[in-house]
Amino acid sequence: MPLLLDTDYAEILECGLDYVEDEAQRFLVLRNFLLPEGLYHEKICDVLVIIPQNYNQGGIDMFWTFPHLTRNDGKPIPAMNRPGGGDNRTFDGKEFCRWSRHWNHAPVIWKPGKDNVVTILGRIVWALGNPDAKK
């Protein structure tokens, strides 16, 4: 059973993203995700998202990256686990580090039946571009 709606897969492909799924764990992994220029030592990463059972009635509040991202300015990334940290996830033999970001308040709360994978992608892009923000 697919994790997303058919229209979501079309959106992912339209964005030019490569992905793989693990339906048993409900993982959607976006491979070779381009990072904001100049912010991280890394240029690309893989991003893991756990798609909730009730998608698209429910959204996400976390995502995970591989490799562990490090900032060019040397500052730590708030609410991001280091390797070996609690609630990291393993996929394809790689440890993905958790980014805890909560979008459960207005105006960014998930809109059931309206929000979709585009919302998820937008949240990931925003969080990666604003690592100090507390959303």
C-alpha atoms as a PDB file:
ATOM      1  CA  MET A   1       0.000   0.000   0.000  1.00  0.00           C
ATOM      2  CA  PRO A   2       1.534   3.345  -1.016  1.00  0.00           C
ATOM      3  CA  LEU A   3       2.453   5.838   1.693  1.00  0.00           C
ATOM      4  CA  LEU A   4       1.240   8.890  -0.223  1.00  0.00           C
ATOM      5  CA  LEU A   5      -1.537   9.868  -2.571  1.00  0.00           C
ATOM      6  CA  ASP A   6      -1.001   9.478  -6.323  1.00  0.00           C
ATOM      7  CA  THR A   7      -0.918  13.249  -6.719  1.00  0.00           C
ATOM      8  CA  ASP A   8       1.883  13.436  -4.126  1.00  0.00           C
ATOM      9  CA  TYR A   9       4.141  11.164  -6.169  1.00  0.00           C
ATOM     10  CA  ALA A  10       3.555  13.372  -9.214  1.00  0.00           C
ATOM     11  CA  GLU A  11       4.523  16.422  -7.109  1.00  0.00           C
ATOM     12  CA  ILE A  12       7.749  14.745  -5.943  1.00  0.00           C
ATOM     13  CA  LEU A  13       8.719  13.896  -9.502  1.00  0.00           C
ATOM     14  CA  GLU A  14       7.795  17.388 -10.700  1.00  0.00           C
ATOM     15  CA  CYS A  15      10.224  18.781  -8.100  1.00  0.00           C
ATOM     16  CA  GLY A  16      12.938  16.576  -9.623  1.00  0.00           C
ATOM     17  CA  LEU A  17      13.445  14.614  -6.408  1.00  0.00           C
ATOM     18  CA  ASP A  18      14.632  11.030  -6.180  1.00  0.00           C
ATOM     19  CA  TYR A  19      12.935   8.965  -3.481  1.00  0.00           C
ATOM     20  CA  VAL A  20      12.589   5.494  -2.057  1.00  0.00           C
ATOM     21  CA  GLU A  21      10.012   4.111   0.370  1.00  0.00           C
ATOM     22  CA  ASP A  22       9.982   1.541   3.125  1.00  0.00           C
ATOM     23  CA  GLU A  23       6.290   0.818   3.502  1.00  0.00           C
ATOM     24  CA  ALA A  24       6.720  -1.390   6.583  1.00  0.00           C
ATOM     25  CA  GLN A  25       8.387   1.419   8.547  1.00  0.00           C
ATOM     26  CA  ARG A  26       6.407   4.155   6.715  1.00  0.00           C
ATOM     27  CA  PHE A  27       9.670   5.833   5.652  1.00  0.00           C
ATOM     28  CA  LEU A  28       9.845   8.172   2.693  1.00  0.00           C
ATOM     29  CA  VAL A  29      13.496   8.899   1.905  1.00  0.00           C
ATOM     30  CA  LEU A  30      14.356  11.797  -0.379  1.00  0.00           C
ATOM     31  CA  ARG A  31      17.782  11.060  -1.815  1.00  0.00           C
ATOM     32  CA  ASN A  32      20.456  13.598  -2.711  1.00  0.00           C
ATOM     33  CA  PHE A  33      18.421  16.502  -1.333  1.00  0.00           C
ATOM     34  CA  LEU A  34      20.151  19.772  -2.211  1.00  0.00           C
ATOM     35  CA  LEU A  35      21.097  21.836   0.843  1.00  0.00           C
ATOM     36  CA  PRO A  36      21.132  25.655   1.007  1.00  0.00           C
ATOM     37  CA  GLU A  37      24.368  26.948  -0.462  1.00  0.00           C
ATOM     38  CA  GLY A  38      26.999  28.088   2.034  1.00  0.00           C
ATOM     39  CA  LEU A  39      25.169  27.013   5.200  1.00  0.00           C
ATOM     40  CA  TYR A  40      26.502  23.475   5.707  1.00  0.00           C
ATOM     41  CA  HIS A  41      29.751  21.651   5.068  1.00  0.00           C
ATOM     42  CA  GLU A  42      27.682  19.102   3.160  1.00  0.00           C
ATOM     43  CA  LYS A  43      26.180  19.962  -0.219  1.00  0.00           C
ATOM     44  CA  ILE A  44      23.502  17.248  -0.263  1.00  0.00           C
ATOM     45  CA  CYS A  45      21.911  14.833   2.180  1.00  0.00           C
ATOM     46  CA  ASP A  46      19.245  12.176   2.313  1.00  0.00           C
ATOM     47  CA  VAL A  47      16.098  13.199   4.180  1.00  0.00           C
ATOM     48  CA  LEU A  48      13.899  10.617   5.887  1.00  0.00           C
ATOM     49  CA  VAL A  49      10.280  11.411   6.734  1.00  0.00           C
ATOM     50  CA  ILE A  50       7.878   9.135   8.572  1.00  0.00           C
ATOM     51  CA  ILE A  51       4.504   9.361   6.873  1.00  0.00           C
ATOM     52  CA  PRO A  52       1.716   9.001   9.444  1.00  0.00           C
ATOM     53  CA  GLN A  53      -0.872   6.243   9.127  1.00  0.00           C
ATOM     54  CA  ASN A  54      -3.575   8.889   8.766  1.00  0.00           C
ATOM     55  CA  TYR A  55      -1.850  10.829   5.962  1.00  0.00           C
ATOM     56  CA  ASN A  56      -3.085  13.332   4.687  1.00  0.00           C
ATOM     57  CA  GLN A  57      -5.278  13.979   7.697  1.00  0.00           C
ATOM     58  CA  GLY A  58      -2.104  14.229   9.792  1.00  0.00           C
ATOM     59  CA  GLY A  59       1.257  15.778   8.952  1.00  0.00           C
ATOM     60  CA  ILE A  60       4.829  15.566  10.220  1.00  0.00           C
ATOM     61  CA  ASP A  61       6.728  17.290  13.002  1.00  0.00           C
ATOM     62  CA  MET A  62      10.146  15.732  12.513  1.00  0.00           C
ATOM     63  CA  PHE A  63      12.504  14.610   9.817  1.00  0.00           C
ATOM     64  CA  TRP A  64      15.898  12.895   9.815  1.00  0.00           C
ATOM     65  CA  THR A  65      19.035  13.521   7.748  1.00  0.00           C
ATOM     66  CA  PHE A  66      21.991  11.464   6.625  1.00  0.00           C
ATOM     67  CA  PRO A  67      24.740  12.316   7.012  1.00  0.00           C
ATOM     68  CA  HIS A  68      24.733  14.295  10.248  1.00  0.00           C
ATOM     69  CA  LEU A  69      24.826  17.902   9.050  1.00  0.00           C
ATOM     70  CA  THR A  70      27.416  20.386  10.261  1.00  0.00           C
ATOM     71  CA  ARG A  71      27.233  24.130   9.805  1.00  0.00           C
ATOM     72  CA  ASN A  72      29.995  26.119   8.163  1.00  0.00           C
ATOM     73  CA  ASP A  73      29.924  28.626  11.044  1.00  0.00           C
ATOM     74  CA  GLY A  74      30.553  25.826  13.573  1.00  0.00           C
ATOM     75  CA  LYS A  75      27.350  26.508  15.539  1.00  0.00           C
ATOM     76  CA  PRO A  76      25.325  23.519  16.745  1.00  0.00           C
ATOM     77  CA  ILE A  77      21.924  22.953  15.189  1.00  0.00           C
ATOM     78  CA  PRO A  78      19.240  23.212  17.891  1.00  0.00           C
ATOM     79  CA  ALA A  79      16.926  20.232  18.387  1.00  0.00           C
ATOM     80  CA  MET A  80      18.971  17.996  16.084  1.00  0.00           C
ATOM     81  CA  ASN A  81      20.406  14.722  17.322  1.00  0.00           C
ATOM     82  CA  ARG A  82      24.020  13.782  16.863  1.00  0.00           C
ATOM     83  CA  PRO A  83      24.905  10.256  15.723  1.00  0.00           C
ATOM     84  CA  GLY A  84      23.989   7.807  18.460  1.00  0.00           C
ATOM     85  CA  GLY A  85      21.293  10.161  19.753  1.00  0.00           C
ATOM     86  CA  GLY A  86      17.852   9.091  20.876  1.00  0.00           C
ATOM     87  CA  ASP A  87      15.169   8.625  18.245  1.00  0.00           C
ATOM     88  CA  ASN A  88      17.593   8.511  15.317  1.00  0.00           C
ATOM     89  CA  ARG A  89      16.475   6.108  12.592  1.00  0.00           C
ATOM     90  CA  THR A  90      18.361   3.519  10.570  1.00  0.00           C
ATOM     91  CA  PHE A  91      17.598   2.924   6.934  1.00  0.00           C
ATOM     92  CA  ASP A  92      19.677   1.047   4.383  1.00  0.00           C
ATOM     93  CA  GLY A  93      22.479   0.663   6.949  1.00  0.00           C
ATOM     94  CA  LYS A  94      22.725   4.442   7.526  1.00  0.00           C
ATOM     95  CA  GLU A  95      21.952   6.335  10.727  1.00  0.00           C
ATOM     96  CA  PHE A  96      19.659   9.291  10.094  1.00  0.00           C
ATOM     97  CA  CYS A  97      19.832  12.079  12.708  1.00  0.00           C
ATOM     98  CA  ARG A  98      16.554  13.541  13.950  1.00  0.00           C
ATOM     99  CA  TRP A  99      15.529  17.168  13.445  1.00  0.00           C
ATOM    100  CA  SER A 100      12.689  17.938  15.843  1.00  0.00           C
ATOM    101  CA  ARG A 101      10.564  20.716  14.402  1.00  0.00           C
ATOM    102  CA  HIS A 102       6.989  21.218  15.554  1.00  0.00           C
ATOM    103  CA  TRP A 103       4.482  22.804  13.230  1.00  0.00           C
ATOM    104  CA  ASN A 104       1.496  22.397  15.538  1.00  0.00           C
ATOM    105  CA  HIS A 105       0.512  26.026  16.018  1.00  0.00           C
ATOM    106  CA  ALA A 106      -1.052  28.694  13.821  1.00  0.00           C
ATOM    107  CA  PRO A 107      -0.336  29.678  11.116  1.00  0.00           C
ATOM    108  CA  VAL A 108       1.705  26.563  10.267  1.00  0.00           C
ATOM    109  CA  ILE A 109      -0.551  23.862  11.719  1.00  0.00           C
ATOM    110  CA  TRP A 110      -1.345  20.981   9.347  1.00  0.00           C
ATOM    111  CA  LYS A 111      -4.601  21.468   7.448  1.00  0.00           C
ATOM    112  CA  PRO A 112      -6.209  17.997   7.141  1.00  0.00           C
ATOM    113  CA  GLY A 113      -7.241  17.065   3.617  1.00  0.00           C
ATOM    114  CA  LYS A 114      -5.648  20.221   2.193  1.00  0.00           C
ATOM    115  CA  ASP A 115      -1.937  19.985   3.023  1.00  0.00           C
ATOM    116  CA  ASN A 116       0.107  17.380   1.194  1.00  0.00           C
ATOM    117  CA  VAL A 117       3.643  16.388   0.264  1.00  0.00           C
ATOM    118  CA  VAL A 118       4.274  19.903  -1.046  1.00  0.00           C
ATOM    119  CA  THR A 119       3.684  21.150   2.509  1.00  0.00           C
ATOM    120  CA  ILE A 120       6.100  18.537   3.844  1.00  0.00           C
ATOM    121  CA  LEU A 121       8.759  19.498   1.292  1.00  0.00           C
ATOM    122  CA  GLY A 122       8.268  23.170   2.084  1.00  0.00           C
ATOM    123  CA  ARG A 123       8.744  22.495   5.785  1.00  0.00           C
ATOM    124  CA  ILE A 124      11.948  20.568   5.160  1.00  0.00           C
ATOM    125  CA  VAL A 125      13.362  23.259   2.864  1.00  0.00           C
ATOM    126  CA  TRP A 126      12.418  25.950   5.391  1.00  0.00           C
ATOM    127  CA  ALA A 127      13.947  24.075   8.364  1.00  0.00           C
ATOM    128  CA  LEU A 128      17.185  23.311   6.518  1.00  0.00           C
ATOM    129  CA  GLY A 129      17.454  26.961   5.509  1.00  0.00           C
ATOM    130  CA  ASN A 130      16.631  28.227   9.017  1.00  0.00           C
ATOM    131  CA  PRO A 131      18.364  25.808  11.399  1.00  0.00           C
ATOM    132  CA  ASP A 132      18.161  28.201  14.395  1.00  0.00           C
ATOM    133  CA  ALA A 133      14.415  28.780  14.140  1.00  0.00           C
ATOM    134  CA  LYS A 134      12.198  27.343  16.849  1.00  0.00           C
ATOM    135  CA  LYS A 135       9.256  26.073  14.821  1.00  0.00           C
END
